[in-house]
């Protein structure tokens, strides 16, 4: 039973399934064993599994699985544009509240992750400045060993392919 839920909507194209603004999904379906599924009159909150990426997945039957944050977004906000992502603004993958979801690009998603401190980088701005100052004095291999990164990472830093904002 749903208690104190502000808004619940049916999920488009999923008969008997509903979502709320807090990121929960409910079913009216009851499994009667060998007699099959029948539609009941009480909401049953569904449990989610986790994908390899750590996002919650909901099953609508045996073969139909979808990412919870995408279902919630489509139910309350609308369709997802081609090539766009649904971002968790606070970068907590289990937080599927409507107010925490926003459509955006991969670049915006990565920017959120940087801002929220989710990305684990081996280098910081000071290290990048030092690495750049070593160009011409040390070999890439030596610098890579010192900072425990690949030679390609050092090459990209030296050629301003990455860390462009650090001068």
C-alpha atoms as a PDB file:
ATOM      1  CA  UNK A   1       0.000   0.000   0.000  1.00  0.00           C
ATOM      2  CA  UNK A   2       1.298   3.476  -0.813  1.00  0.00           C
ATOM      3  CA  UNK A   3       1.323   5.811   2.188  1.00  0.00           C
ATOM      4  CA  UNK A   4       1.734   9.594   2.024  1.00  0.00           C
ATOM      5  CA  UNK A   5       2.865   9.657  -1.615  1.00  0.00           C
ATOM      6  CA  UNK A   6       2.474  13.037  -3.250  1.00  0.00           C
ATOM      7  CA  UNK A   7       2.139  11.865  -6.822  1.00  0.00           C
ATOM      8  CA  UNK A   8       1.735   8.457  -8.466  1.00  0.00           C
ATOM      9  CA  UNK A   9       1.364   7.941 -12.211  1.00  0.00           C
ATOM     10  CA  UNK A  10       0.832   4.920 -14.439  1.00  0.00           C
ATOM     11  CA  UNK A  11       3.922   3.944 -16.419  1.00  0.00           C
ATOM     12  CA  UNK A  12       3.360   4.456 -20.142  1.00  0.00           C
ATOM     13  CA  UNK A  13       3.112   1.155 -22.011  1.00  0.00           C
ATOM     14  CA  UNK A  14       3.234  -0.934 -18.810  1.00  0.00           C
ATOM     15  CA  UNK A  15      -0.295  -1.993 -17.855  1.00  0.00           C
ATOM     16  CA  UNK A  16      -0.688  -2.388 -14.094  1.00  0.00           C
ATOM     17  CA  UNK A  17       2.597  -0.640 -13.203  1.00  0.00           C
ATOM     18  CA  UNK A  18       2.915   2.744 -11.489  1.00  0.00           C
ATOM     19  CA  UNK A  19       5.704   5.074 -10.357  1.00  0.00           C
ATOM     20  CA  UNK A  20       5.947   7.741  -7.681  1.00  0.00           C
ATOM     21  CA  UNK A  21       8.010  10.940  -7.505  1.00  0.00           C
ATOM     22  CA  UNK A  22      10.342   9.341  -4.936  1.00  0.00           C
ATOM     23  CA  UNK A  23      11.596   6.830  -7.522  1.00  0.00           C
ATOM     24  CA  UNK A  24       9.577   3.806  -6.416  1.00  0.00           C
ATOM     25  CA  UNK A  25       7.750   1.494  -8.807  1.00  0.00           C
ATOM     26  CA  UNK A  26       4.613  -0.452  -7.927  1.00  0.00           C
ATOM     27  CA  UNK A  27       2.647  -3.292  -9.474  1.00  0.00           C
ATOM     28  CA  UNK A  28      -0.998  -4.301  -9.280  1.00  0.00           C
ATOM     29  CA  UNK A  29      -0.180  -7.764 -10.639  1.00  0.00           C
ATOM     30  CA  UNK A  30      -0.580 -10.815  -8.392  1.00  0.00           C
ATOM     31  CA  UNK A  31       1.025 -14.141  -9.262  1.00  0.00           C
ATOM     32  CA  UNK A  32      -1.534 -16.914  -8.799  1.00  0.00           C
ATOM     33  CA  UNK A  33       1.016 -19.658  -9.495  1.00  0.00           C
ATOM     34  CA  UNK A  34      -0.025 -22.020 -12.254  1.00  0.00           C
ATOM     35  CA  UNK A  35      -3.161 -19.935 -12.773  1.00  0.00           C
ATOM     36  CA  UNK A  36      -1.030 -17.043 -14.000  1.00  0.00           C
ATOM     37  CA  UNK A  37      -1.015 -13.345 -13.237  1.00  0.00           C
ATOM     38  CA  UNK A  38      -4.143 -11.440 -12.328  1.00  0.00           C
ATOM     39  CA  UNK A  39      -4.670  -7.743 -11.725  1.00  0.00           C
ATOM     40  CA  UNK A  40      -5.286  -6.949  -8.073  1.00  0.00           C
ATOM     41  CA  UNK A  41      -6.418  -3.754  -6.378  1.00  0.00           C
ATOM     42  CA  UNK A  42      -3.441  -3.125  -4.059  1.00  0.00           C
ATOM     43  CA  UNK A  43      -0.106  -1.582  -4.934  1.00  0.00           C
ATOM     44  CA  UNK A  44       2.911  -3.807  -4.318  1.00  0.00           C
ATOM     45  CA  UNK A  45       6.280  -2.033  -4.206  1.00  0.00           C
ATOM     46  CA  UNK A  46       8.777  -3.724  -6.516  1.00  0.00           C
ATOM     47  CA  UNK A  47      12.328  -4.593  -5.525  1.00  0.00           C
ATOM     48  CA  UNK A  48      15.128  -3.566  -7.848  1.00  0.00           C
ATOM     49  CA  UNK A  49      18.288  -5.341  -8.922  1.00  0.00           C
ATOM     50  CA  UNK A  50      21.555  -3.547  -9.722  1.00  0.00           C
ATOM     51  CA  UNK A  51      23.194  -3.290 -13.123  1.00  0.00           C
ATOM     52  CA  UNK A  52      26.962  -3.646 -13.594  1.00  0.00           C
ATOM     53  CA  UNK A  53      27.184   0.158 -13.597  1.00  0.00           C
ATOM     54  CA  UNK A  54      25.446   0.329 -10.200  1.00  0.00           C
ATOM     55  CA  UNK A  55      22.116   1.711 -11.454  1.00  0.00           C
ATOM     56  CA  UNK A  56      18.860   0.133 -10.294  1.00  0.00           C
ATOM     57  CA  UNK A  57      16.992  -2.086 -12.756  1.00  0.00           C
ATOM     58  CA  UNK A  58      13.292  -2.994 -12.581  1.00  0.00           C
ATOM     59  CA  UNK A  59      11.746  -6.105 -14.136  1.00  0.00           C
ATOM     60  CA  UNK A  60       8.368  -5.851 -15.827  1.00  0.00           C
ATOM     61  CA  UNK A  61       7.922  -9.581 -16.244  1.00  0.00           C
ATOM     62  CA  UNK A  62      10.576 -12.123 -17.127  1.00  0.00           C
ATOM     63  CA  UNK A  63      12.131 -10.548 -20.230  1.00  0.00           C
ATOM     64  CA  UNK A  64      11.393  -6.826 -19.851  1.00  0.00           C
ATOM     65  CA  UNK A  65      14.035  -5.041 -17.753  1.00  0.00           C
ATOM     66  CA  UNK A  66      14.629  -1.281 -17.673  1.00  0.00           C
ATOM     67  CA  UNK A  67      16.772   1.218 -15.781  1.00  0.00           C
ATOM     68  CA  UNK A  68      14.679   2.725 -12.977  1.00  0.00           C
ATOM     69  CA  UNK A  69      15.918   6.312 -13.429  1.00  0.00           C
ATOM     70  CA  UNK A  70      14.900   6.265 -17.106  1.00  0.00           C
ATOM     71  CA  UNK A  71      11.426   4.872 -16.281  1.00  0.00           C
ATOM     72  CA  UNK A  72      10.872   7.517 -13.584  1.00  0.00           C
ATOM     73  CA  UNK A  73      12.058  10.338 -15.878  1.00  0.00           C
ATOM     74  CA  UNK A  74       9.861   9.213 -18.783  1.00  0.00           C
ATOM     75  CA  UNK A  75       6.835   8.803 -16.501  1.00  0.00           C
ATOM     76  CA  UNK A  76       7.022  12.245 -14.881  1.00  0.00           C
ATOM     77  CA  UNK A  77       8.966  14.467 -17.303  1.00  0.00           C
ATOM     78  CA  UNK A  78       8.655  13.021 -20.799  1.00  0.00           C
ATOM     79  CA  UNK A  79      10.528  11.314 -23.590  1.00  0.00           C
ATOM     80  CA  UNK A  80      14.318  11.139 -23.679  1.00  0.00           C
ATOM     81  CA  UNK A  81      15.906  12.784 -26.711  1.00  0.00           C
ATOM     82  CA  UNK A  82      18.090  10.708 -29.035  1.00  0.00           C
ATOM     83  CA  UNK A  83      21.678  10.587 -27.768  1.00  0.00           C
ATOM     84  CA  UNK A  84      20.837  12.106 -24.365  1.00  0.00           C
ATOM     85  CA  UNK A  85      21.401  10.649 -20.912  1.00  0.00           C
ATOM     86  CA  UNK A  86      19.400  10.869 -17.703  1.00  0.00           C
ATOM     87  CA  UNK A  87      21.736  12.372 -15.132  1.00  0.00           C
ATOM     88  CA  UNK A  88      21.576  11.900 -11.356  1.00  0.00           C
ATOM     89  CA  UNK A  89      22.291  15.478 -10.265  1.00  0.00           C
ATOM     90  CA  UNK A  90      23.803  14.384  -6.945  1.00  0.00           C
ATOM     91  CA  UNK A  91      25.583  11.396  -8.574  1.00  0.00           C
ATOM     92  CA  UNK A  92      23.964   8.927  -6.188  1.00  0.00           C
ATOM     93  CA  UNK A  93      22.841   6.142  -8.513  1.00  0.00           C
ATOM     94  CA  UNK A  94      20.244   4.849  -6.050  1.00  0.00           C
ATOM     95  CA  UNK A  95      18.532   8.267  -5.769  1.00  0.00           C
ATOM     96  CA  UNK A  96      15.832   8.081  -8.434  1.00  0.00           C
ATOM     97  CA  UNK A  97      13.635  10.926  -7.178  1.00  0.00           C
ATOM     98  CA  UNK A  98      12.243  13.065 -10.006  1.00  0.00           C
ATOM     99  CA  UNK A  99      13.881  16.189  -8.527  1.00  0.00           C
ATOM    100  CA  UNK A 100      17.307  14.485  -8.838  1.00  0.00           C
ATOM    101  CA  UNK A 101      16.952  13.492 -12.500  1.00  0.00           C
ATOM    102  CA  UNK A 102      17.700  15.673 -15.496  1.00  0.00           C
ATOM    103  CA  UNK A 103      18.246  15.014 -19.177  1.00  0.00           C
ATOM    104  CA  UNK A 104      21.645  15.992 -20.525  1.00  0.00           C
ATOM    105  CA  UNK A 105      24.716  15.141 -22.539  1.00  0.00           C
ATOM    106  CA  UNK A 106      27.600  12.852 -21.621  1.00  0.00           C
ATOM    107  CA  UNK A 107      29.744  15.966 -21.141  1.00  0.00           C
ATOM    108  CA  UNK A 108      27.243  17.401 -18.629  1.00  0.00           C
ATOM    109  CA  UNK A 109      27.114  14.047 -16.840  1.00  0.00           C
ATOM    110  CA  UNK A 110      30.913  13.957 -16.514  1.00  0.00           C
ATOM    111  CA  UNK A 111      30.918  17.579 -15.360  1.00  0.00           C
ATOM    112  CA  UNK A 112      28.438  16.645 -12.601  1.00  0.00           C
ATOM    113  CA  UNK A 113      30.679  13.754 -11.568  1.00  0.00           C
ATOM    114  CA  UNK A 114      33.729  16.043 -11.353  1.00  0.00           C
ATOM    115  CA  UNK A 115      31.782  18.686  -9.401  1.00  0.00           C
ATOM    116  CA  UNK A 116      30.373  16.108  -6.983  1.00  0.00           C
ATOM    117  CA  UNK A 117      33.760  14.442  -6.453  1.00  0.00           C
ATOM    118  CA  UNK A 118      32.675  11.079  -7.832  1.00  0.00           C
ATOM    119  CA  UNK A 119      35.448  10.672 -10.394  1.00  0.00           C
ATOM    120  CA  UNK A 120      38.564   9.193  -8.901  1.00  0.00           C
ATOM    121  CA  UNK A 121      41.556  10.771 -10.618  1.00  0.00           C
ATOM    122  CA  UNK A 122      45.175   9.955  -9.871  1.00  0.00           C
ATOM    123  CA  UNK A 123      46.245  13.500 -10.657  1.00  0.00           C
ATOM    124  CA  UNK A 124      45.278  16.944  -9.446  1.00  0.00           C
ATOM    125  CA  UNK A 125      45.960  20.393 -10.905  1.00  0.00           C
ATOM    126  CA  UNK A 126      49.278  20.784  -9.067  1.00  0.00           C
ATOM    127  CA  UNK A 127      50.520  17.415 -10.328  1.00  0.00           C
ATOM    128  CA  UNK A 128      49.577  18.366 -13.893  1.00  0.00           C
ATOM    129  CA  UNK A 129      51.509  21.654 -13.596  1.00  0.00           C
ATOM    130  CA  UNK A 130      54.553  19.752 -12.346  1.00  0.00           C
ATOM    131  CA  UNK A 131      54.236  17.157 -15.125  1.00  0.00           C
ATOM    132  CA  UNK A 132      54.117  19.924 -17.729  1.00  0.00           C
ATOM    133  CA  UNK A 133      57.195  21.565 -16.206  1.00  0.00           C
ATOM    134  CA  UNK A 134      59.128  18.292 -16.624  1.00  0.00           C
ATOM    135  CA  UNK A 135      58.646  18.231 -20.406  1.00  0.00           C
ATOM    136  CA  UNK A 136      62.048  18.390 -22.055  1.00  0.00           C
ATOM    137  CA  UNK A 137      63.846  17.431 -18.831  1.00  0.00           C
ATOM    138  CA  UNK A 138      62.536  13.917 -18.184  1.00  0.00           C
ATOM    139  CA  UNK A 139      61.352  11.108 -20.426  1.00  0.00           C
ATOM    140  CA  UNK A 140      57.656  10.252 -20.582  1.00  0.00           C
ATOM    141  CA  UNK A 141      58.351   6.807 -19.144  1.00  0.00           C
ATOM    142  CA  UNK A 142      60.092   8.267 -16.070  1.00  0.00           C
ATOM    143  CA  UNK A 143      57.301  10.763 -15.384  1.00  0.00           C
ATOM    144  CA  UNK A 144      54.662   8.047 -15.872  1.00  0.00           C
ATOM    145  CA  UNK A 145      56.404   5.844 -13.288  1.00  0.00           C
ATOM    146  CA  UNK A 146      56.642   8.690 -10.776  1.00  0.00           C
ATOM    147  CA  UNK A 147      52.903   9.494 -11.027  1.00  0.00           C
ATOM    148  CA  UNK A 148      51.762   5.886 -11.620  1.00  0.00           C
ATOM    149  CA  UNK A 149      49.933   6.693 -14.849  1.00  0.00           C
ATOM    150  CA  UNK A 150      50.456   5.553 -18.435  1.00  0.00           C
ATOM    151  CA  UNK A 151      52.952   7.118 -20.814  1.00  0.00           C
ATOM    152  CA  UNK A 152      49.994   8.027 -23.023  1.00  0.00           C
ATOM    153  CA  UNK A 153      48.483  10.040 -20.149  1.00  0.00           C
ATOM    154  CA  UNK A 154      51.738  12.012 -19.843  1.00  0.00           C
ATOM    155  CA  UNK A 155      51.797  12.568 -23.620  1.00  0.00           C
ATOM    156  CA  UNK A 156      48.206  13.864 -23.566  1.00  0.00           C
ATOM    157  CA  UNK A 157      48.985  16.227 -20.679  1.00  0.00           C
ATOM    158  CA  UNK A 158      52.131  17.542 -22.389  1.00  0.00           C
ATOM    159  CA  UNK A 159      50.213  18.114 -25.651  1.00  0.00           C
ATOM    160  CA  UNK A 160      47.227  19.760 -23.876  1.00  0.00           C
ATOM    161  CA  UNK A 161      44.845  17.026 -25.052  1.00  0.00           C
ATOM    162  CA  UNK A 162      43.704  16.541 -21.446  1.00  0.00           C
ATOM    163  CA  UNK A 163      43.681  18.894 -18.455  1.00  0.00           C
ATOM    164  CA  UNK A 164      43.331  21.816 -20.908  1.00  0.00           C
ATOM    165  CA  UNK A 165      42.067  24.092 -18.151  1.00  0.00           C
ATOM    166  CA  UNK A 166      45.399  23.798 -16.280  1.00  0.00           C
ATOM    167  CA  UNK A 167      48.076  26.112 -17.645  1.00  0.00           C
END
